[in-house]
Amino acid sequence: MIKRAEITCAAQNGRHSPYERITHVGGGKTKPWKLTIKEAIKLLDSGKWQFYVMRDDAPVKVEALNSRTGCRYLKTVNDRNEPLDLLTLPDCPADEVVSG
């Protein structure tokens, strides 16, 4: 059974490259969680987890890809190349639980 989780926040490091800017993603209203990008990609690649973001009251699937420089990153299926949907999410609170 595939587990699904909504990503509601993204922590950024200020790097210029949009492929390397997001360091963590998080979510959960009753039980907050936060994962590093590497952890989230590993869960996606395992096929046991799916992540999504809400856009216009509809879930949009998150996928893991490789940038031209070989950097693994997350983006929504609505985005062309850069992870714009994830970059527009609010910053993850510093006190969220880091899972993994």
Protein backbone atom coordinates (compact mmCIF):
# COMPACT_ATOMS: atom_id res chain seq x y z
CA MET A 1 0.00 0.00 0.00
CA ILE A 2 1.42 3.35 -1.05
CA LYS A 3 1.46 6.06 1.62
CA ARG A 4 0.61 9.62 0.56
CA ALA A 5 1.70 12.82 2.26
CA GLU A 6 0.96 16.46 1.49
CA ILE A 7 3.96 18.78 1.38
CA THR A 8 2.93 22.12 2.89
CA CYS A 9 6.31 23.79 3.49
CA ALA A 10 9.84 23.90 2.10
CA ALA A 11 13.05 25.04 3.82
CA GLN A 12 15.47 26.88 1.55
CA ASN A 13 19.17 27.62 1.86
CA GLY A 14 19.39 30.74 -0.35
CA ARG A 15 21.46 29.14 -3.12
CA HIS A 16 21.10 30.62 -6.57
CA SER A 17 20.29 27.30 -8.31
CA PRO A 18 16.60 26.39 -7.91
CA TYR A 19 17.59 22.71 -8.08
CA GLU A 20 19.74 23.01 -4.94
CA ARG A 21 17.78 25.69 -3.05
CA ILE A 22 15.31 23.45 -1.18
CA THR A 23 16.90 21.55 1.69
CA HIS A 24 13.84 20.10 3.44
CA VAL A 25 10.15 19.56 2.82
CA GLY A 26 7.51 19.13 5.48
CA GLY A 27 3.85 18.82 6.24
CA GLY A 28 1.36 17.36 8.69
CA LYS A 29 -1.18 19.38 10.62
CA THR A 30 -1.71 17.17 13.65
CA LYS A 31 1.69 15.48 13.57
CA PRO A 32 4.22 17.78 11.84
CA TRP A 33 7.07 16.16 9.92
CA LYS A 34 10.09 17.35 7.98
CA LEU A 35 12.43 15.41 5.68
CA THR A 36 15.65 16.31 3.92
CA ILE A 37 15.39 16.34 0.13
CA LYS A 38 17.55 13.20 0.02
CA GLU A 39 15.20 11.40 2.43
CA ALA A 40 12.09 12.45 0.48
CA ILE A 41 13.66 11.35 -2.83
CA LYS A 42 14.63 7.99 -1.32
CA LEU A 43 11.02 7.44 -0.18
CA LEU A 44 9.68 8.37 -3.63
CA ASP A 45 12.20 6.15 -5.40
CA SER A 46 11.23 3.21 -3.17
CA GLY A 47 7.70 3.38 -4.58
CA LYS A 48 6.24 3.16 -1.08
CA TRP A 49 5.51 6.89 -0.74
CA GLN A 50 3.90 9.57 -2.88
CA PHE A 51 4.05 13.28 -2.11
CA TYR A 52 1.76 16.01 -3.38
CA VAL A 53 1.00 19.71 -2.97
CA MET A 54 -2.42 21.33 -3.17
CA ARG A 55 -3.00 23.80 -6.02
CA ASP A 56 -6.48 25.27 -6.65
CA ASP A 57 -8.00 22.71 -4.24
CA ALA A 58 -6.56 19.78 -6.21
CA PRO A 59 -3.61 17.51 -5.35
CA VAL A 60 -0.59 17.82 -7.66
CA LYS A 61 1.90 14.95 -7.67
CA VAL A 62 5.53 15.59 -6.68
CA GLU A 63 8.25 13.75 -8.59
CA ALA A 64 12.02 13.34 -8.29
CA LEU A 65 14.21 14.22 -11.27
CA ASN A 66 17.84 14.91 -12.18
CA SER A 67 18.95 18.40 -13.14
CA ARG A 68 21.31 18.94 -16.09
CA THR A 69 24.19 18.94 -13.62
CA GLY A 70 23.08 15.62 -12.09
CA CYS A 71 21.56 17.05 -8.91
CA ARG A 72 18.48 15.12 -7.72
CA TYR A 73 15.58 17.42 -6.88
CA LEU A 74 11.81 17.48 -6.33
CA LYS A 75 9.22 19.26 -8.46
CA THR A 76 5.52 18.96 -9.18
CA VAL A 77 4.21 17.50 -12.43
CA ASN A 78 2.78 20.97 -13.20
CA ASP A 79 6.25 22.55 -13.20
CA ARG A 80 8.27 22.48 -16.38
CA ASN A 81 11.88 22.08 -15.19
CA GLU A 82 12.35 24.14 -12.03
CA PRO A 83 10.56 23.31 -8.76
CA LEU A 84 8.47 26.51 -8.78
CA ASP A 85 5.45 25.08 -6.91
CA LEU A 86 7.68 23.90 -4.07
CA LEU A 87 9.69 27.15 -4.00
CA THR A 88 6.48 29.14 -3.42
CA LEU A 89 5.49 27.13 -0.32
CA PRO A 90 5.93 28.77 3.08
CA ASP A 91 9.15 28.13 4.97
CA CYS A 92 9.10 25.12 7.29
CA PRO A 93 9.07 26.07 10.99
CA ALA A 94 12.43 25.46 12.63
CA ASP A 95 10.85 23.42 15.43
CA GLU A 96 9.21 20.79 13.21
CA VAL A 97 10.16 17.21 13.90
CA VAL A 98 12.74 15.88 11.47
CA SER A 99 11.70 12.37 10.38
CA GLY A 100 13.62 9.87 8.43
